[in-house]
């Protein structure tokens, strides 16, 4: 007998994809912060290099803020409506 995917498996798949995406976003954020810091340290006072490093660090921090705000918005929706939107679950009638 074959293993057949069911509609309930999409909920598990979605949760795993979101979990991996958040983990990947955290790794990318860390790498961008390290690269931006390295650029800043090795710029040697060159205004163009300092500006490039500053843009890298600003982008990394902006990404972190966007991820945190999106999660906080989901928590706010959960508190206002009482529906847990952070838990993806498919229920068949």
PDB file of N, CA and C in Angstrom:
ATOM      1  N   UNK A   1       0.845  -1.180   0.000  1.00  0.00           N
ATOM      2  CA  UNK A   1       0.000   0.000   0.000  1.00  0.00           C
ATOM      3  C   UNK A   1       0.890   1.243   0.000  1.00  0.00           C
ATOM      4  N   UNK A   2       0.509   2.210  -0.817  1.00  0.00           N
ATOM      5  CA  UNK A   2       1.283   3.428  -0.959  1.00  0.00           C
ATOM      6  C   UNK A   2       0.935   4.435   0.134  1.00  0.00           C
ATOM      7  N   UNK A   3       1.912   5.289   0.442  1.00  0.00           N
ATOM      8  CA  UNK A   3       1.635   6.407   1.336  1.00  0.00           C
ATOM      9  C   UNK A   3       1.023   7.518   0.502  1.00  0.00           C
ATOM     10  N   UNK A   4      -0.175   7.900   0.840  1.00  0.00           N
ATOM     11  CA  UNK A   4      -0.896   8.917   0.088  1.00  0.00           C
ATOM     12  C   UNK A   4      -1.020  10.159   0.951  1.00  0.00           C
ATOM     13  N   UNK A   5      -0.690  11.312   0.361  1.00  0.00           N
ATOM     14  CA  UNK A   5      -0.815  12.572   1.086  1.00  0.00           C
ATOM     15  C   UNK A   5      -2.282  12.936   1.215  1.00  0.00           C
ATOM     16  N   UNK A   6      -2.632  13.424   2.372  1.00  0.00           N
ATOM     17  CA  UNK A   6      -4.013  13.854   2.610  1.00  0.00           C
ATOM     18  C   UNK A   6      -4.022  15.358   2.820  1.00  0.00           C
ATOM     19  N   UNK A   7      -5.208  15.928   2.892  1.00  0.00           N
ATOM     20  CA  UNK A   7      -5.357  17.371   3.072  1.00  0.00           C
ATOM     21  C   UNK A   7      -4.789  17.826   4.414  1.00  0.00           C
ATOM     22  N   UNK A   8      -4.827  16.961   5.425  1.00  0.00           N
ATOM     23  CA  UNK A   8      -4.277  17.316   6.729  1.00  0.00           C
ATOM     24  C   UNK A   8      -2.752  17.477   6.674  1.00  0.00           C
ATOM     25  N   UNK A   9      -2.124  16.787   5.717  1.00  0.00           N
ATOM     26  CA  UNK A   9      -0.670  16.885   5.585  1.00  0.00           C
ATOM     27  C   UNK A   9      -0.227  18.270   5.130  1.00  0.00           C
ATOM     28  N   UNK A  10      -1.119  19.020   4.470  1.00  0.00           N
ATOM     29  CA  UNK A  10      -0.756  20.364   4.049  1.00  0.00           C
ATOM     30  C   UNK A  10      -0.535  21.282   5.245  1.00  0.00           C
ATOM     31  N   UNK A  11      -1.259  21.070   6.321  1.00  0.00           N
ATOM     32  CA  UNK A  11      -1.051  21.865   7.532  1.00  0.00           C
ATOM     33  C   UNK A  11       0.332  21.638   8.108  1.00  0.00           C
ATOM     34  N   UNK A  12       0.742  20.390   8.157  1.00  0.00           N
ATOM     35  CA  UNK A  12       2.079  20.048   8.661  1.00  0.00           C
ATOM     36  C   UNK A  12       3.145  20.615   7.735  1.00  0.00           C
ATOM     37  N   UNK A  13       2.921  20.471   6.426  1.00  0.00           N
ATOM     38  CA  UNK A  13       3.873  20.990   5.440  1.00  0.00           C
ATOM     39  C   UNK A  13       4.013  22.500   5.577  1.00  0.00           C
ATOM     40  N   UNK A  14       2.893  23.213   5.722  1.00  0.00           N
ATOM     41  CA  UNK A  14       2.918  24.664   5.858  1.00  0.00           C
ATOM     42  C   UNK A  14       3.678  25.088   7.108  1.00  0.00           C
ATOM     43  N   UNK A  15       3.432  24.413   8.227  1.00  0.00           N
ATOM     44  CA  UNK A  15       4.134  24.743   9.464  1.00  0.00           C
ATOM     45  C   UNK A  15       5.638  24.524   9.326  1.00  0.00           C
ATOM     46  N   UNK A  16       6.027  23.457   8.670  1.00  0.00           N
ATOM     47  CA  UNK A  16       7.458  23.193   8.482  1.00  0.00           C
ATOM     48  C   UNK A  16       8.096  24.214   7.562  1.00  0.00           C
ATOM     49  N   UNK A  17       7.416  24.583   6.488  1.00  0.00           N
ATOM     50  CA  UNK A  17       7.959  25.575   5.559  1.00  0.00           C
ATOM     51  C   UNK A  17       8.145  26.911   6.261  1.00  0.00           C
ATOM     52  N   UNK A  18       7.157  27.331   7.038  1.00  0.00           N
ATOM     53  CA  UNK A  18       7.264  28.596   7.768  1.00  0.00           C
ATOM     54  C   UNK A  18       8.394  28.526   8.793  1.00  0.00           C
ATOM     55  N   UNK A  19       8.508  27.408   9.487  1.00  0.00           N
ATOM     56  CA  UNK A  19       9.589  27.250  10.466  1.00  0.00           C
ATOM     57  C   UNK A  19      10.959  27.318   9.827  1.00  0.00           C
ATOM     58  N   UNK A  20      11.127  26.633   8.700  1.00  0.00           N
ATOM     59  CA  UNK A  20      12.411  26.673   7.997  1.00  0.00           C
ATOM     60  C   UNK A  20      12.687  28.059   7.432  1.00  0.00           C
ATOM     61  N   UNK A  21      11.647  28.732   6.942  1.00  0.00           N
ATOM     62  CA  UNK A  21      11.824  30.075   6.394  1.00  0.00           C
ATOM     63  C   UNK A  21      12.271  31.056   7.480  1.00  0.00           C
ATOM     64  N   UNK A  22      11.684  30.939   8.663  1.00  0.00           N
ATOM     65  CA  UNK A  22      12.097  31.820   9.761  1.00  0.00           C
ATOM     66  C   UNK A  22      13.525  31.523  10.207  1.00  0.00           C
ATOM     67  N   UNK A  23      13.878  30.244  10.249  1.00  0.00           N
ATOM     68  CA  UNK A  23      15.256  29.886  10.584  1.00  0.00           C
ATOM     69  C   UNK A  23      16.233  30.405   9.552  1.00  0.00           C
ATOM     70  N   UNK A  24      15.880  30.277   8.280  1.00  0.00           N
ATOM     71  CA  UNK A  24      16.729  30.780   7.201  1.00  0.00           C
ATOM     72  C   UNK A  24      16.857  32.298   7.279  1.00  0.00           C
ATOM     73  N   UNK A  25      15.750  32.991   7.590  1.00  0.00           N
ATOM     74  CA  UNK A  25      15.785  34.446   7.727  1.00  0.00           C
ATOM     75  C   UNK A  25      16.715  34.860   8.863  1.00  0.00           C
ATOM     76  N   UNK A  26      16.708  34.110   9.948  1.00  0.00           N
ATOM     77  CA  UNK A  26      17.606  34.412  11.058  1.00  0.00           C
ATOM     78  C   UNK A  26      19.070  34.236  10.676  1.00  0.00           C
ATOM     79  N   UNK A  27      19.354  33.187   9.915  1.00  0.00           N
ATOM     80  CA  UNK A  27      20.733  32.955   9.463  1.00  0.00           C
ATOM     81  C   UNK A  27      21.175  34.062   8.518  1.00  0.00           C
ATOM     82  N   UNK A  28      20.309  34.442   7.574  1.00  0.00           N
ATOM     83  CA  UNK A  28      20.640  35.515   6.632  1.00  0.00           C
ATOM     84  C   UNK A  28      20.851  36.821   7.379  1.00  0.00           C
ATOM     85  N   UNK A  29      20.016  37.100   8.368  1.00  0.00           N
ATOM     86  CA  UNK A  29      20.176  38.310   9.173  1.00  0.00           C
ATOM     87  C   UNK A  29      21.536  38.327   9.861  1.00  0.00           C
ATOM     88  N   UNK A  30      21.903  37.223  10.461  1.00  0.00           N
ATOM     89  CA  UNK A  30      23.194  37.143  11.148  1.00  0.00           C
ATOM     90  C   UNK A  30      24.346  37.360  10.173  1.00  0.00           C
ATOM     91  N   UNK A  31      24.283  36.709   9.010  1.00  0.00           N
ATOM     92  CA  UNK A  31      25.350  36.850   8.008  1.00  0.00           C
ATOM     93  C   UNK A  31      25.440  38.298   7.534  1.00  0.00           C
ATOM     94  N   UNK A  32      24.294  38.941   7.278  1.00  0.00           N
ATOM     95  CA  UNK A  32      24.324  40.333   6.832  1.00  0.00           C
ATOM     96  C   UNK A  32      24.893  41.262   7.902  1.00  0.00           C
ATOM     97  N   UNK A  33      24.577  40.997   9.159  1.00  0.00           N
ATOM     98  CA  UNK A  33      25.154  41.816  10.226  1.00  0.00           C
ATOM     99  C   UNK A  33      26.665  41.636  10.309  1.00  0.00           C
ATOM    100  N   UNK A  34      27.131  40.401  10.163  1.00  0.00           N
ATOM    101  CA  UNK A  34      28.579  40.149  10.204  1.00  0.00           C
ATOM    102  C   UNK A  34      29.269  40.799   9.002  1.00  0.00           C
ATOM    103  N   UNK A  35      28.698  40.647   7.812  1.00  0.00           N
ATOM    104  CA  UNK A  35      29.290  41.230   6.605  1.00  0.00           C
ATOM    105  C   UNK A  35      29.300  42.752   6.700  1.00  0.00           C
ATOM    106  N   UNK A  36      28.184  43.339   7.149  1.00  0.00           N
ATOM    107  CA  UNK A  36      28.133  44.784   7.305  1.00  0.00           C
ATOM    108  C   UNK A  36      29.142  45.291   8.317  1.00  0.00           C
ATOM    109  N   UNK A  37      29.272  44.585   9.426  1.00  0.00           N
ATOM    110  CA  UNK A  37      30.266  44.964  10.427  1.00  0.00           C
ATOM    111  C   UNK A  37      31.686  44.838   9.905  1.00  0.00           C
ATOM    112  N   UNK A  38      31.950  43.774   9.147  1.00  0.00           N
ATOM    113  CA  UNK A  38      33.283  43.584   8.563  1.00  0.00           C
ATOM    114  C   UNK A  38      33.591  44.685   7.551  1.00  0.00           C
ATOM    115  N   UNK A  39      32.607  45.038   6.727  1.00  0.00           N
ATOM    116  CA  UNK A  39      32.792  46.124   5.762  1.00  0.00           C
ATOM    117  C   UNK A  39      33.077  47.434   6.484  1.00  0.00           C
ATOM    118  N   UNK A  40      32.347  47.664   7.576  1.00  0.00           N
ATOM    119  CA  UNK A  40      32.512  48.906   8.327  1.00  0.00           C
ATOM    120  C   UNK A  40      33.901  48.990   8.947  1.00  0.00           C
ATOM    121  N   UNK A  41      34.362  47.875   9.500  1.00  0.00           N
ATOM    122  CA  UNK A  41      35.672  47.865  10.150  1.00  0.00           C
ATOM    123  C   UNK A  41      36.797  48.028   9.128  1.00  0.00           C
ATOM    124  N   UNK A  42      36.649  47.381   7.965  1.00  0.00           N
ATOM    125  CA  UNK A  42      37.724  47.410   6.969  1.00  0.00           C
ATOM    126  C   UNK A  42      37.585  48.557   5.979  1.00  0.00           C
ATOM    127  N   UNK A  43      36.666  49.482   6.193  1.00  0.00           N
ATOM    128  CA  UNK A  43      36.474  50.577   5.247  1.00  0.00           C
ATOM    129  C   UNK A  43      37.644  51.554   5.244  1.00  0.00           C
ATOM    130  N   UNK A  44      38.351  51.652   6.333  1.00  0.00           N
ATOM    131  CA  UNK A  44      39.519  52.515   6.401  1.00  0.00           C
ATOM    132  C   UNK A  44      39.192  53.988   6.252  1.00  0.00           C
ATOM    133  N   UNK A  45      37.981  54.378   6.567  1.00  0.00           N
ATOM    134  CA  UNK A  45      37.603  55.782   6.492  1.00  0.00           C
ATOM    135  C   UNK A  45      37.132  56.219   5.119  1.00  0.00           C
ATOM    136  N   UNK A  46      37.123  55.327   4.141  1.00  0.00           N
ATOM    137  CA  UNK A  46      36.647  55.654   2.792  1.00  0.00           C
ATOM    138  C   UNK A  46      35.136  55.911   2.851  1.00  0.00           C
ATOM    139  N   UNK A  47      34.696  57.104   2.457  1.00  0.00           N
ATOM    140  CA  UNK A  47      33.265  57.430   2.580  1.00  0.00           C
ATOM    141  C   UNK A  47      32.340  56.483   1.804  1.00  0.00           C
ATOM    142  N   UNK A  48      32.760  56.038   0.622  1.00  0.00           N
ATOM    143  CA  UNK A  48      31.921  55.122  -0.161  1.00  0.00           C
ATOM    144  C   UNK A  48      31.805  53.762   0.524  1.00  0.00           C
ATOM    145  N   UNK A  49      32.914  53.272   1.069  1.00  0.00           N
ATOM    146  CA  UNK A  49      32.893  51.977   1.752  1.00  0.00           C
ATOM    147  C   UNK A  49      32.069  52.055   3.040  1.00  0.00           C
ATOM    148  N   UNK A  50      32.197  53.163   3.757  1.00  0.00           N
ATOM    149  CA  UNK A  50      31.416  53.345   4.988  1.00  0.00           C
ATOM    150  C   UNK A  50      29.931  53.403   4.649  1.00  0.00           C
ATOM    151  N   UNK A  51      29.589  54.097   3.564  1.00  0.00           N
ATOM    152  CA  UNK A  51      28.180  54.189   3.161  1.00  0.00           C
ATOM    153  C   UNK A  51      27.635  52.825   2.745  1.00  0.00           C
ATOM    154  N   UNK A  52      28.434  52.012   2.044  1.00  0.00           N
ATOM    155  CA  UNK A  52      28.008  50.664   1.668  1.00  0.00           C
ATOM    156  C   UNK A  52      27.787  49.783   2.886  1.00  0.00           C
ATOM    157  N   UNK A  53      28.690  49.891   3.854  1.00  0.00           N
ATOM    158  CA  UNK A  53      28.555  49.113   5.090  1.00  0.00           C
ATOM    159  C   UNK A  53      27.315  49.557   5.859  1.00  0.00           C
ATOM    160  N   UNK A  54      27.098  50.855   5.893  1.00  0.00           N
ATOM    161  CA  UNK A  54      25.937  51.389   6.601  1.00  0.00           C
ATOM    162  C   UNK A  54      24.637  50.916   5.948  1.00  0.00           C
ATOM    163  N   UNK A  55      24.613  50.860   4.614  1.00  0.00           N
ATOM    164  CA  UNK A  55      23.421  50.374   3.909  1.00  0.00           C
ATOM    165  C   UNK A  55      23.177  48.895   4.205  1.00  0.00           C
ATOM    166  N   UNK A  56      24.251  48.097   4.259  1.00  0.00           N
ATOM    167  CA  UNK A  56      24.105  46.678   4.574  1.00  0.00           C
ATOM    168  C   UNK A  56      23.543  46.486   5.976  1.00  0.00           C
ATOM    169  N   UNK A  57      24.090  47.213   6.935  1.00  0.00           N
ATOM    170  CA  UNK A  57      23.601  47.103   8.313  1.00  0.00           C
ATOM    171  C   UNK A  57      22.166  47.610   8.445  1.00  0.00           C
ATOM    172  N   UNK A  58      21.845  48.686   7.747  1.00  0.00           N
ATOM    173  CA  UNK A  58      20.484  49.220   7.790  1.00  0.00           C
ATOM    174  C   UNK A  58      19.489  48.226   7.204  1.00  0.00           C
ATOM    175  N   UNK A  59      19.857  47.598   6.092  1.00  0.00           N
ATOM    176  CA  UNK A  59      18.972  46.608   5.478  1.00  0.00           C
ATOM    177  C   UNK A  59      18.757  45.408   6.395  1.00  0.00           C
ATOM    178  N   UNK A  60      19.811  44.958   7.049  1.00  0.00           N
ATOM    179  CA  UNK A  60      19.695  43.816   7.958  1.00  0.00           C
ATOM    180  C   UNK A  60      18.785  44.150   9.136  1.00  0.00           C
ATOM    181  N   UNK A  61      18.958  45.314   9.705  1.00  0.00           N
ATOM    182  CA  UNK A  61      18.138  45.709  10.843  1.00  0.00           C
ATOM    183  C   UNK A  61      16.690  45.942  10.409  1.00  0.00           C
ATOM    184  N   UNK A  62      16.488  46.505   9.218  1.00  0.00           N
ATOM    185  CA  UNK A  62      15.126  46.703   8.706  1.00  0.00           C
ATOM    186  C   UNK A  62      14.439  45.347   8.499  1.00  0.00           C
ATOM    187  N   UNK A  63      15.162  44.366   7.999  1.00  0.00           N
ATOM    188  CA  UNK A  63      14.602  43.024   7.833  1.00  0.00           C
ATOM    189  C   UNK A  63      14.196  42.417   9.163  1.00  0.00           C
ATOM    190  N   UNK A  64      15.035  42.582  10.177  1.00  0.00           N
ATOM    191  CA  UNK A  64      14.710  42.086  11.507  1.00  0.00           C
ATOM    192  C   UNK A  64      13.446  42.752  12.045  1.00  0.00           C
ATOM    193  N   UNK A  65      13.350  44.054  11.865  1.00  0.00           N
ATOM    194  CA  UNK A  65      12.175  44.782  12.348  1.00  0.00           C
ATOM    195  C   UNK A  65      10.915  44.312  11.629  1.00  0.00           C
ATOM    196  N   UNK A  66      11.007  44.083  10.319  1.00  0.00           N
ATOM    197  CA  UNK A  66       9.845  43.614   9.561  1.00  0.00           C
ATOM    198  C   UNK A  66       9.398  42.238  10.042  1.00  0.00           C
ATOM    199  N   UNK A  67      10.345  41.337  10.275  1.00  0.00           N
ATOM    200  CA  UNK A  67       9.994  39.996  10.765  1.00  0.00           C
ATOM    201  C   UNK A  67       9.348  40.079  12.143  1.00  0.00           C
ATOM    202  N   UNK A  68       9.916  40.868  13.037  1.00  0.00           N
ATOM    203  CA  UNK A  68       9.348  41.001  14.379  1.00  0.00           C
ATOM    204  C   UNK A  68       7.975  41.662  14.358  1.00  0.00           C
ATOM    205  N   UNK A  69       7.804  42.706  13.539  1.00  0.00           N
ATOM    206  CA  UNK A  69       6.505  43.370  13.461  1.00  0.00           C
ATOM    207  C   UNK A  69       5.433  42.453  12.885  1.00  0.00           C
ATOM    208  N   UNK A  70       5.792  41.643  11.900  1.00  0.00           N
ATOM    209  CA  UNK A  70       4.794  40.730  11.334  1.00  0.00           C
ATOM    210  C   UNK A  70       4.346  39.711  12.372  1.00  0.00           C
ATOM    211  N   UNK A  71       5.272  39.220  13.176  1.00  0.00           N
ATOM    212  CA  UNK A  71       4.894  38.286  14.236  1.00  0.00           C
ATOM    213  C   UNK A  71       4.043  38.973  15.296  1.00  0.00           C
ATOM    214  N   UNK A  72       4.403  40.195  15.660  1.00  0.00           N
ATOM    215  CA  UNK A  72       3.617  40.932  16.655  1.00  0.00           C
ATOM    216  C   UNK A  72       2.212  41.237  16.135  1.00  0.00           C
ATOM    217  N   UNK A  73       2.067  41.503  14.845  1.00  0.00           N
ATOM    218  CA  UNK A  73       0.749  41.727  14.263  1.00  0.00           C
ATOM    219  C   UNK A  73      -0.088  40.456  14.358  1.00  0.00           C
ATOM    220  N   UNK A  74       0.524  39.303  14.096  1.00  0.00           N
ATOM    221  CA  UNK A  74      -0.199  38.041  14.230  1.00  0.00           C
ATOM    222  C   UNK A  74      -0.649  37.817  15.674  1.00  0.00           C
ATOM    223  N   UNK A  75       0.204  38.139  16.637  1.00  0.00           N
ATOM    224  CA  UNK A  75      -0.179  38.014  18.039  1.00  0.00           C
ATOM    225  C   UNK A  75      -1.296  38.993  18.405  1.00  0.00           C
ATOM    226  N   UNK A  76      -1.253  40.197  17.842  1.00  0.00           N
ATOM    227  CA  UNK A  76      -2.309  41.173  18.087  1.00  0.00           C
ATOM    228  C   UNK A  76      -3.644  40.679  17.535  1.00  0.00           C
ATOM    229  N   UNK A  77      -3.618  40.101  16.336  1.00  0.00           N
ATOM    230  CA  UNK A  77      -4.839  39.542  15.752  1.00  0.00           C
ATOM    231  C   UNK A  77      -5.372  38.421  16.634  1.00  0.00           C
ATOM    232  N   UNK A  78      -4.466  37.583  17.158  1.00  0.00           N
ATOM    233  CA  UNK A  78      -4.876  36.498  18.045  1.00  0.00           C
ATOM    234  C   UNK A  78      -5.538  37.044  19.305  1.00  0.00           C
ATOM    235  N   UNK A  79      -4.972  38.097  19.897  1.00  0.00           N
ATOM    236  CA  UNK A  79      -5.538  38.667  21.120  1.00  0.00           C
ATOM    237  C   UNK A  79      -6.873  39.354  20.873  1.00  0.00           C
ATOM    238  N   UNK A  80      -7.018  40.012  19.731  1.00  0.00           N
ATOM    239  CA  UNK A  80      -8.259  40.739  19.451  1.00  0.00           C
ATOM    240  C   UNK A  80      -9.388  39.779  19.078  1.00  0.00           C
ATOM    241  N   UNK A  81      -9.101  38.830  18.204  1.00  0.00           N
ATOM    242  CA  UNK A  81     -10.163  37.960  17.693  1.00  0.00           C
ATOM    243  C   UNK A  81     -10.329  36.674  18.489  1.00  0.00           C
ATOM    244  N   UNK A  82      -9.306  36.256  19.193  1.00  0.00           N
ATOM    245  CA  UNK A  82      -9.364  34.994  19.921  1.00  0.00           C
ATOM    246  C   UNK A  82      -9.043  33.792  19.048  1.00  0.00           C
ATOM    247  N   UNK A  83      -8.737  34.030  17.772  1.00  0.00           N
ATOM    248  CA  UNK A  83      -8.396  32.956  16.836  1.00  0.00           C
ATOM    249  C   UNK A  83      -6.882  32.881  16.743  1.00  0.00           C
ATOM    250  N   UNK A  84      -6.327  31.709  16.986  1.00  0.00           N
ATOM    251  CA  UNK A  84      -4.875  31.542  16.952  1.00  0.00           C
ATOM    252  C   UNK A  84      -4.411  31.434  15.505  1.00  0.00           C
ATOM    253  N   UNK A  85      -4.001  32.570  14.945  1.00  0.00           N
ATOM    254  CA  UNK A  85      -3.565  32.591  13.550  1.00  0.00           C
ATOM    255  C   UNK A  85      -2.121  32.123  13.391  1.00  0.00           C
ATOM    256  N   UNK A  86      -1.421  31.915  14.485  1.00  0.00           N
ATOM    257  CA  UNK A  86      -0.049  31.419  14.384  1.00  0.00           C
ATOM    258  C   UNK A  86       0.000  29.898  14.303  1.00  0.00           C
ATOM    259  N   UNK A  87      -1.126  29.242  14.523  1.00  0.00           N
ATOM    260  CA  UNK A  87      -1.196  27.786  14.459  1.00  0.00           C
ATOM    261  C   UNK A  87      -2.034  27.396  13.243  1.00  0.00           C
ATOM    262  N   UNK A  88      -1.385  26.893  12.210  1.00  0.00           N
ATOM    263  CA  UNK A  88      -2.075  26.518  10.983  1.00  0.00           C
ATOM    264  C   UNK A  88      -2.571  25.094  11.122  1.00  0.00           C
ATOM    265  N   UNK A  89      -3.906  24.926  11.038  1.00  0.00           N
ATOM    266  CA  UNK A  89      -4.495  23.614  11.231  1.00  0.00           C
ATOM    267  C   UNK A  89      -5.695  23.462  10.303  1.00  0.00           C
ATOM    268  N   UNK A  90      -5.738  22.382   9.554  1.00  0.00           N
ATOM    269  CA  UNK A  90      -6.851  22.124   8.651  1.00  0.00           C
ATOM    270  C   UNK A  90      -7.792  21.146   9.324  1.00  0.00           C
ATOM    271  N   UNK A  91      -9.050  21.543   9.448  1.00  0.00           N
ATOM    272  CA  UNK A  91     -10.066  20.684  10.059  1.00  0.00           C
ATOM    273  C   UNK A  91     -11.130  20.392   9.011  1.00  0.00           C
ATOM    274  N   UNK A  92     -11.328  19.130   8.744  1.00  0.00           N
ATOM    275  CA  UNK A  92     -12.346  18.732   7.774  1.00  0.00           C
ATOM    276  C   UNK A  92     -13.682  18.549   8.470  1.00  0.00           C
ATOM    277  N   UNK A  93     -14.766  18.912   7.794  1.00  0.00           N
ATOM    278  CA  UNK A  93     -16.096  18.755   8.405  1.00  0.00           C
ATOM    279  C   UNK A  93     -16.502  17.296   8.522  1.00  0.00           C
TER     280      UNK A  93
END
